[in-house]
Amino acid sequence: MYTYKIHLHQEEEGGYTAIVPALPGCITYGENVEEAITMAKEAIELYIEELKDRNELIPDDTNTLEYSVNLEVA
């Protein structure tokens, strides 16, 4: 089992871009949050499949901590 963080970015023109930081270049899009997550899962599966075909290491976020920082800039 692998664990991945997905960053969702709301686009000005609508929809969400989904980025998987642990998998460089693994980026997709969905019309809404649910679709973006579904598309990200599919993209991750395809990415991992390709890594397996190349006998490459499969990275994941199991040991990654995530924290958000809010800053007030004067």
PDB file of N, CA and C in Angstrom:
ATOM      1  N   MET A   1       0.841  -1.184   0.000  1.00  0.00           N
ATOM      2  CA  MET A   1       0.000   0.000   0.000  1.00  0.00           C
ATOM      3  C   MET A   1       0.884   1.244   0.000  1.00  0.00           C
ATOM      4  N   TYR A   2       0.510   2.202  -0.810  1.00  0.00           N
ATOM      5  CA  TYR A   2       1.236   3.455  -0.922  1.00  0.00           C
ATOM      6  C   TYR A   2       0.348   4.603  -0.455  1.00  0.00           C
ATOM      7  N   THR A   3       0.970   5.647   0.062  1.00  0.00           N
ATOM      8  CA  THR A   3       0.259   6.834   0.525  1.00  0.00           C
ATOM      9  C   THR A   3       0.753   8.044  -0.257  1.00  0.00           C
ATOM     10  N   TYR A   4      -0.189   8.849  -0.749  1.00  0.00           N
ATOM     11  CA  TYR A   4       0.179  10.049  -1.503  1.00  0.00           C
ATOM     12  C   TYR A   4      -0.636  11.245  -1.054  1.00  0.00           C
ATOM     13  N   LYS A   5       0.014  12.373  -0.961  1.00  0.00           N
ATOM     14  CA  LYS A   5      -0.654  13.636  -0.708  1.00  0.00           C
ATOM     15  C   LYS A   5      -1.025  14.224  -2.076  1.00  0.00           C
ATOM     16  N   ILE A   6      -2.198  14.804  -2.138  1.00  0.00           N
ATOM     17  CA  ILE A   6      -2.663  15.441  -3.373  1.00  0.00           C
ATOM     18  C   ILE A   6      -2.934  16.910  -3.050  1.00  0.00           C
ATOM     19  N   HIS A   7      -2.332  17.796  -3.812  1.00  0.00           N
ATOM     20  CA  HIS A   7      -2.591  19.222  -3.652  1.00  0.00           C
ATOM     21  C   HIS A   7      -3.612  19.629  -4.710  1.00  0.00           C
ATOM     22  N   LEU A   8      -4.695  20.240  -4.260  1.00  0.00           N
ATOM     23  CA  LEU A   8      -5.727  20.718  -5.181  1.00  0.00           C
ATOM     24  C   LEU A   8      -5.659  22.235  -5.259  1.00  0.00           C
ATOM     25  N   HIS A   9      -5.626  22.735  -6.468  1.00  0.00           N
ATOM     26  CA  HIS A   9      -5.565  24.184  -6.688  1.00  0.00           C
ATOM     27  C   HIS A   9      -6.788  24.589  -7.502  1.00  0.00           C
ATOM     28  N   GLN A  10      -7.618  25.466  -6.921  1.00  0.00           N
ATOM     29  CA  GLN A  10      -8.804  25.939  -7.631  1.00  0.00           C
ATOM     30  C   GLN A  10      -8.388  26.912  -8.729  1.00  0.00           C
ATOM     31  N   GLU A  11      -8.805  26.631  -9.944  1.00  0.00           N
ATOM     32  CA  GLU A  11      -8.439  27.465 -11.087  1.00  0.00           C
ATOM     33  C   GLU A  11      -9.430  28.612 -11.259  1.00  0.00           C
ATOM     34  N   GLU A  12      -8.947  29.751 -11.713  1.00  0.00           N
ATOM     35  CA  GLU A  12      -9.795  30.929 -11.910  1.00  0.00           C
ATOM     36  C   GLU A  12     -10.929  30.653 -12.891  1.00  0.00           C
ATOM     37  N   GLU A  13     -10.638  29.872 -13.932  1.00  0.00           N
ATOM     38  CA  GLU A  13     -11.647  29.591 -14.951  1.00  0.00           C
ATOM     39  C   GLU A  13     -12.582  28.459 -14.536  1.00  0.00           C
ATOM     40  N   GLY A  14     -12.348  27.907 -13.347  1.00  0.00           N
ATOM     41  CA  GLY A  14     -13.185  26.823 -12.835  1.00  0.00           C
ATOM     42  C   GLY A  14     -12.428  25.513 -12.790  1.00  0.00           C
ATOM     43  N   GLY A  15     -12.867  24.630 -11.947  1.00  0.00           N
ATOM     44  CA  GLY A  15     -12.237  23.330 -11.825  1.00  0.00           C
ATOM     45  C   GLY A  15     -11.029  23.369 -10.916  1.00  0.00           C
ATOM     46  N   TYR A  16     -10.402  22.204 -10.791  1.00  0.00           N
ATOM     47  CA  TYR A  16      -9.275  22.048  -9.880  1.00  0.00           C
ATOM     48  C   TYR A  16      -8.145  21.287 -10.549  1.00  0.00           C
ATOM     49  N   THR A  17      -6.943  21.788 -10.373  1.00  0.00           N
ATOM     50  CA  THR A  17      -5.751  21.068 -10.793  1.00  0.00           C
ATOM     51  C   THR A  17      -5.289  20.256  -9.593  1.00  0.00           C
ATOM     52  N   ALA A  18      -4.971  18.980  -9.828  1.00  0.00           N
ATOM     53  CA  ALA A  18      -4.491  18.082  -8.777  1.00  0.00           C
ATOM     54  C   ALA A  18      -3.032  17.749  -9.063  1.00  0.00           C
ATOM     55  N   ILE A  19      -2.183  17.972  -8.064  1.00  0.00           N
ATOM     56  CA  ILE A  19      -0.747  17.725  -8.187  1.00  0.00           C
ATOM     57  C   ILE A  19      -0.346  16.724  -7.116  1.00  0.00           C
ATOM     58  N   VAL A  20       0.484  15.748  -7.514  1.00  0.00           N
ATOM     59  CA  VAL A  20       0.997  14.740  -6.583  1.00  0.00           C
ATOM     60  C   VAL A  20       2.491  15.012  -6.419  1.00  0.00           C
ATOM     61  N   PRO A  21       2.888  15.745  -5.369  1.00  0.00           N
ATOM     62  CA  PRO A  21       4.286  16.163  -5.222  1.00  0.00           C
ATOM     63  C   PRO A  21       5.304  15.017  -5.183  1.00  0.00           C
ATOM     64  N   ALA A  22       4.944  13.868  -4.649  1.00  0.00           N
ATOM     65  CA  ALA A  22       5.889  12.750  -4.548  1.00  0.00           C
ATOM     66  C   ALA A  22       6.185  12.118  -5.902  1.00  0.00           C
ATOM     67  N   LEU A  23       5.343  12.410  -6.902  1.00  0.00           N
ATOM     68  CA  LEU A  23       5.508  11.829  -8.233  1.00  0.00           C
ATOM     69  C   LEU A  23       5.675  12.968  -9.244  1.00  0.00           C
ATOM     70  N   PRO A  24       6.912  13.379  -9.499  1.00  0.00           N
ATOM     71  CA  PRO A  24       7.157  14.522 -10.391  1.00  0.00           C
ATOM     72  C   PRO A  24       6.431  14.389 -11.730  1.00  0.00           C
ATOM     73  N   GLY A  25       5.711  15.438 -12.087  1.00  0.00           N
ATOM     74  CA  GLY A  25       4.991  15.455 -13.355  1.00  0.00           C
ATOM     75  C   GLY A  25       3.613  14.817 -13.292  1.00  0.00           C
ATOM     76  N   CYS A  26       3.223  14.299 -12.128  1.00  0.00           N
ATOM     77  CA  CYS A  26       1.905  13.678 -11.971  1.00  0.00           C
ATOM     78  C   CYS A  26       0.907  14.780 -11.636  1.00  0.00           C
ATOM     79  N   ILE A  27       0.270  15.298 -12.678  1.00  0.00           N
ATOM     80  CA  ILE A  27      -0.647  16.425 -12.564  1.00  0.00           C
ATOM     81  C   ILE A  27      -1.877  16.109 -13.405  1.00  0.00           C
ATOM     82  N   THR A  28      -3.057  16.429 -12.875  1.00  0.00           N
ATOM     83  CA  THR A  28      -4.287  16.195 -13.623  1.00  0.00           C
ATOM     84  C   THR A  28      -5.294  17.275 -13.261  1.00  0.00           C
ATOM     85  N   TYR A  29      -6.512  17.134 -13.737  1.00  0.00           N
ATOM     86  CA  TYR A  29      -7.519  18.178 -13.579  1.00  0.00           C
ATOM     87  C   TYR A  29      -8.893  17.541 -13.412  1.00  0.00           C
ATOM     88  N   GLY A  30      -9.775  18.225 -12.679  1.00  0.00           N
ATOM     89  CA  GLY A  30     -11.163  17.803 -12.561  1.00  0.00           C
ATOM     90  C   GLY A  30     -12.071  19.009 -12.502  1.00  0.00           C
ATOM     91  N   GLU A  31     -13.299  18.839 -12.949  1.00  0.00           N
ATOM     92  CA  GLU A  31     -14.273  19.929 -12.942  1.00  0.00           C
ATOM     93  C   GLU A  31     -14.672  20.337 -11.528  1.00  0.00           C
ATOM     94  N   ASN A  32     -14.557  19.390 -10.561  1.00  0.00           N
ATOM     95  CA  ASN A  32     -14.868  19.676  -9.159  1.00  0.00           C
ATOM     96  C   ASN A  32     -13.893  18.882  -8.288  1.00  0.00           C
ATOM     97  N   VAL A  33     -13.967  19.052  -6.977  1.00  0.00           N
ATOM     98  CA  VAL A  33     -13.014  18.400  -6.075  1.00  0.00           C
ATOM     99  C   VAL A  33     -13.086  16.877  -6.215  1.00  0.00           C
ATOM    100  N   GLU A  34     -14.295  16.337  -6.211  1.00  0.00           N
ATOM    101  CA  GLU A  34     -14.464  14.884  -6.314  1.00  0.00           C
ATOM    102  C   GLU A  34     -13.838  14.332  -7.591  1.00  0.00           C
ATOM    103  N   GLU A  35     -14.098  14.981  -8.709  1.00  0.00           N
ATOM    104  CA  GLU A  35     -13.544  14.532  -9.984  1.00  0.00           C
ATOM    105  C   GLU A  35     -12.024  14.682  -9.999  1.00  0.00           C
ATOM    106  N   ALA A  36     -11.509  15.761  -9.438  1.00  0.00           N
ATOM    107  CA  ALA A  36     -10.055  15.967  -9.398  1.00  0.00           C
ATOM    108  C   ALA A  36      -9.381  14.862  -8.588  1.00  0.00           C
ATOM    109  N   ILE A  37      -9.980  14.455  -7.473  1.00  0.00           N
ATOM    110  CA  ILE A  37      -9.418  13.371  -6.663  1.00  0.00           C
ATOM    111  C   ILE A  37      -9.475  12.051  -7.420  1.00  0.00           C
ATOM    112  N   THR A  38     -10.594  11.779  -8.079  1.00  0.00           N
ATOM    113  CA  THR A  38     -10.726  10.562  -8.884  1.00  0.00           C
ATOM    114  C   THR A  38      -9.681  10.525  -9.987  1.00  0.00           C
ATOM    115  N   MET A  39      -9.503  11.647 -10.661  1.00  0.00           N
ATOM    116  CA  MET A  39      -8.514  11.722 -11.738  1.00  0.00           C
ATOM    117  C   MET A  39      -7.098  11.562 -11.188  1.00  0.00           C
ATOM    118  N   ALA A  40      -6.835  12.111  -9.994  1.00  0.00           N
ATOM    119  CA  ALA A  40      -5.514  11.975  -9.381  1.00  0.00           C
ATOM    120  C   ALA A  40      -5.227  10.513  -9.049  1.00  0.00           C
ATOM    121  N   LYS A  41      -6.216   9.802  -8.513  1.00  0.00           N
ATOM    122  CA  LYS A  41      -6.028   8.380  -8.209  1.00  0.00           C
ATOM    123  C   LYS A  41      -5.676   7.601  -9.473  1.00  0.00           C
ATOM    124  N   GLU A  42      -6.380   7.887 -10.553  1.00  0.00           N
ATOM    125  CA  GLU A  42      -6.107   7.217 -11.823  1.00  0.00           C
ATOM    126  C   GLU A  42      -4.700   7.554 -12.329  1.00  0.00           C
ATOM    127  N   ALA A  43      -4.324   8.826 -12.225  1.00  0.00           N
ATOM    128  CA  ALA A  43      -2.994   9.247 -12.669  1.00  0.00           C
ATOM    129  C   ALA A  43      -1.899   8.571 -11.834  1.00  0.00           C
ATOM    130  N   ILE A  44      -2.118   8.451 -10.531  1.00  0.00           N
ATOM    131  CA  ILE A  44      -1.152   7.785  -9.646  1.00  0.00           C
ATOM    132  C   ILE A  44      -0.997   6.323 -10.045  1.00  0.00           C
ATOM    133  N   GLU A  45      -2.109   5.647 -10.289  1.00  0.00           N
ATOM    134  CA  GLU A  45      -2.062   4.236 -10.687  1.00  0.00           C
ATOM    135  C   GLU A  45      -1.260   4.061 -11.973  1.00  0.00           C
ATOM    136  N   LEU A  46      -1.504   4.921 -12.957  1.00  0.00           N
ATOM    137  CA  LEU A  46      -0.771   4.840 -14.226  1.00  0.00           C
ATOM    138  C   LEU A  46       0.713   5.145 -14.029  1.00  0.00           C
ATOM    139  N   TYR A  47       1.007   6.115 -13.185  1.00  0.00           N
ATOM    140  CA  TYR A  47       2.389   6.499 -12.900  1.00  0.00           C
ATOM    141  C   TYR A  47       3.128   5.321 -12.271  1.00  0.00           C
ATOM    142  N   ILE A  48       2.504   4.693 -11.270  1.00  0.00           N
ATOM    143  CA  ILE A  48       3.121   3.551 -10.583  1.00  0.00           C
ATOM    144  C   ILE A  48       3.319   2.386 -11.549  1.00  0.00           C
ATOM    145  N   GLU A  49       2.337   2.151 -12.395  1.00  0.00           N
ATOM    146  CA  GLU A  49       2.443   1.094 -13.402  1.00  0.00           C
ATOM    147  C   GLU A  49       3.677   1.308 -14.273  1.00  0.00           C
ATOM    148  N   GLU A  50       3.885   2.549 -14.690  1.00  0.00           N
ATOM    149  CA  GLU A  50       5.046   2.881 -15.525  1.00  0.00           C
ATOM    150  C   GLU A  50       6.348   2.664 -14.757  1.00  0.00           C
ATOM    151  N   LEU A  51       6.392   3.069 -13.487  1.00  0.00           N
ATOM    152  CA  LEU A  51       7.597   2.846 -12.679  1.00  0.00           C
ATOM    153  C   LEU A  51       7.890   1.354 -12.535  1.00  0.00           C
ATOM    154  N   LYS A  52       6.851   0.558 -12.322  1.00  0.00           N
ATOM    155  CA  LYS A  52       7.025  -0.896 -12.199  1.00  0.00           C
ATOM    156  C   LYS A  52       7.566  -1.483 -13.503  1.00  0.00           C
ATOM    157  N   ASP A  53       7.021  -1.029 -14.643  1.00  0.00           N
ATOM    158  CA  ASP A  53       7.486  -1.516 -15.945  1.00  0.00           C
ATOM    159  C   ASP A  53       8.964  -1.208 -16.167  1.00  0.00           C
ATOM    160  N   ARG A  54       9.443  -0.108 -15.583  1.00  0.00           N
ATOM    161  CA  ARG A  54      10.846   0.295 -15.730  1.00  0.00           C
ATOM    162  C   ARG A  54      11.723  -0.228 -14.595  1.00  0.00           C
ATOM    163  N   ASN A  55      11.112  -0.996 -13.683  1.00  0.00           N
ATOM    164  CA  ASN A  55      11.826  -1.515 -12.501  1.00  0.00           C
ATOM    165  C   ASN A  55      12.461  -0.389 -11.685  1.00  0.00           C
ATOM    166  N   GLU A  56      11.730   0.717 -11.557  1.00  0.00           N
ATOM    167  CA  GLU A  56      12.213   1.868 -10.792  1.00  0.00           C
ATOM    168  C   GLU A  56      11.574   1.886  -9.406  1.00  0.00           C
ATOM    169  N   LEU A  57      12.235   2.565  -8.481  1.00  0.00           N
ATOM    170  CA  LEU A  57      11.734   2.733  -7.131  1.00  0.00           C
ATOM    171  C   LEU A  57      10.404   3.489  -7.153  1.00  0.00           C
ATOM    172  N   ILE A  58       9.461   3.063  -6.336  1.00  0.00           N
ATOM    173  CA  ILE A  58       8.163   3.724  -6.251  1.00  0.00           C
ATOM    174  C   ILE A  58       8.131   4.560  -4.971  1.00  0.00           C
ATOM    175  N   PRO A  59       8.253   5.886  -5.107  1.00  0.00           N
ATOM    176  CA  PRO A  59       8.233   6.753  -3.926  1.00  0.00           C
ATOM    177  C   PRO A  59       6.806   6.924  -3.413  1.00  0.00           C
ATOM    178  N   ASP A  60       6.669   7.273  -2.137  1.00  0.00           N
ATOM    179  CA  ASP A  60       5.364   7.635  -1.600  1.00  0.00           C
ATOM    180  C   ASP A  60       5.539   8.610  -0.442  1.00  0.00           C
ATOM    181  N   ASP A  61       4.433   9.003   0.163  1.00  0.00           N
ATOM    182  CA  ASP A  61       4.438  10.012   1.220  1.00  0.00           C
ATOM    183  C   ASP A  61       4.240   9.423   2.611  1.00  0.00           C
ATOM    184  N   THR A  62       4.479   8.133   2.781  1.00  0.00           N
ATOM    185  CA  THR A  62       4.245   7.488   4.075  1.00  0.00           C
ATOM    186  C   THR A  62       4.947   8.214   5.214  1.00  0.00           C
ATOM    187  N   ASN A  63       6.169   8.655   5.006  1.00  0.00           N
ATOM    188  CA  ASN A  63       6.948   9.293   6.065  1.00  0.00           C
ATOM    189  C   ASN A  63       7.006  10.813   5.926  1.00  0.00           C
ATOM    190  N   THR A  64       6.069  11.383   5.191  1.00  0.00           N
ATOM    191  CA  THR A  64       6.048  12.821   4.978  1.00  0.00           C
ATOM    192  C   THR A  64       5.025  13.469   5.898  1.00  0.00           C
ATOM    193  N   LEU A  65       5.462  14.480   6.613  1.00  0.00           N
ATOM    194  CA  LEU A  65       4.558  15.269   7.436  1.00  0.00           C
ATOM    195  C   LEU A  65       4.177  16.510   6.646  1.00  0.00           C
ATOM    196  N   GLU A  66       2.963  16.971   6.862  1.00  0.00           N
ATOM    197  CA  GLU A  66       2.519  18.156   6.149  1.00  0.00           C
ATOM    198  C   GLU A  66       1.967  19.160   7.157  1.00  0.00           C
ATOM    199  N   TYR A  67       2.279  20.411   6.939  1.00  0.00           N
ATOM    200  CA  TYR A  67       1.849  21.465   7.847  1.00  0.00           C
ATOM    201  C   TYR A  67       1.623  22.729   7.046  1.00  0.00           C
ATOM    202  N   SER A  68       0.559  23.425   7.336  1.00  0.00           N
ATOM    203  CA  SER A  68       0.276  24.697   6.676  1.00  0.00           C
ATOM    204  C   SER A  68       0.636  25.849   7.612  1.00  0.00           C
ATOM    205  N   VAL A  69       1.243  26.861   7.057  1.00  0.00           N
ATOM    206  CA  VAL A  69       1.645  28.035   7.830  1.00  0.00           C
ATOM    207  C   VAL A  69       0.890  29.238   7.291  1.00  0.00           C
ATOM    208  N   ASN A  70       0.241  29.987   8.177  1.00  0.00           N
ATOM    209  CA  ASN A  70      -0.439  31.219   7.792  1.00  0.00           C
ATOM    210  C   ASN A  70       0.395  32.396   8.276  1.00  0.00           C
ATOM    211  N   LEU A  71       0.689  33.308   7.366  1.00  0.00           N
ATOM    212  CA  LEU A  71       1.486  34.482   7.699  1.00  0.00           C
ATOM    213  C   LEU A  71       0.700  35.732   7.383  1.00  0.00           C
ATOM    214  N   GLU A  72       0.785  36.681   8.262  1.00  0.00           N
ATOM    215  CA  GLU A  72       0.177  37.977   7.993  1.00  0.00           C
ATOM    216  C   GLU A  72       1.302  38.922   7.607  1.00  0.00           C
ATOM    217  N   VAL A  73       1.254  39.430   6.401  1.00  0.00           N
ATOM    218  CA  VAL A  73       2.307  40.311   5.893  1.00  0.00           C
ATOM    219  C   VAL A  73       1.824  41.751   5.992  1.00  0.00           C
ATOM    220  N   ALA A  74       2.675  42.591   6.593  1.00  0.00           N
ATOM    221  CA  ALA A  74       2.321  44.003   6.784  1.00  0.00           C
ATOM    222  C   ALA A  74       2.577  44.797   5.535  1.00  0.00           C
TER     223      ALA A  74
END
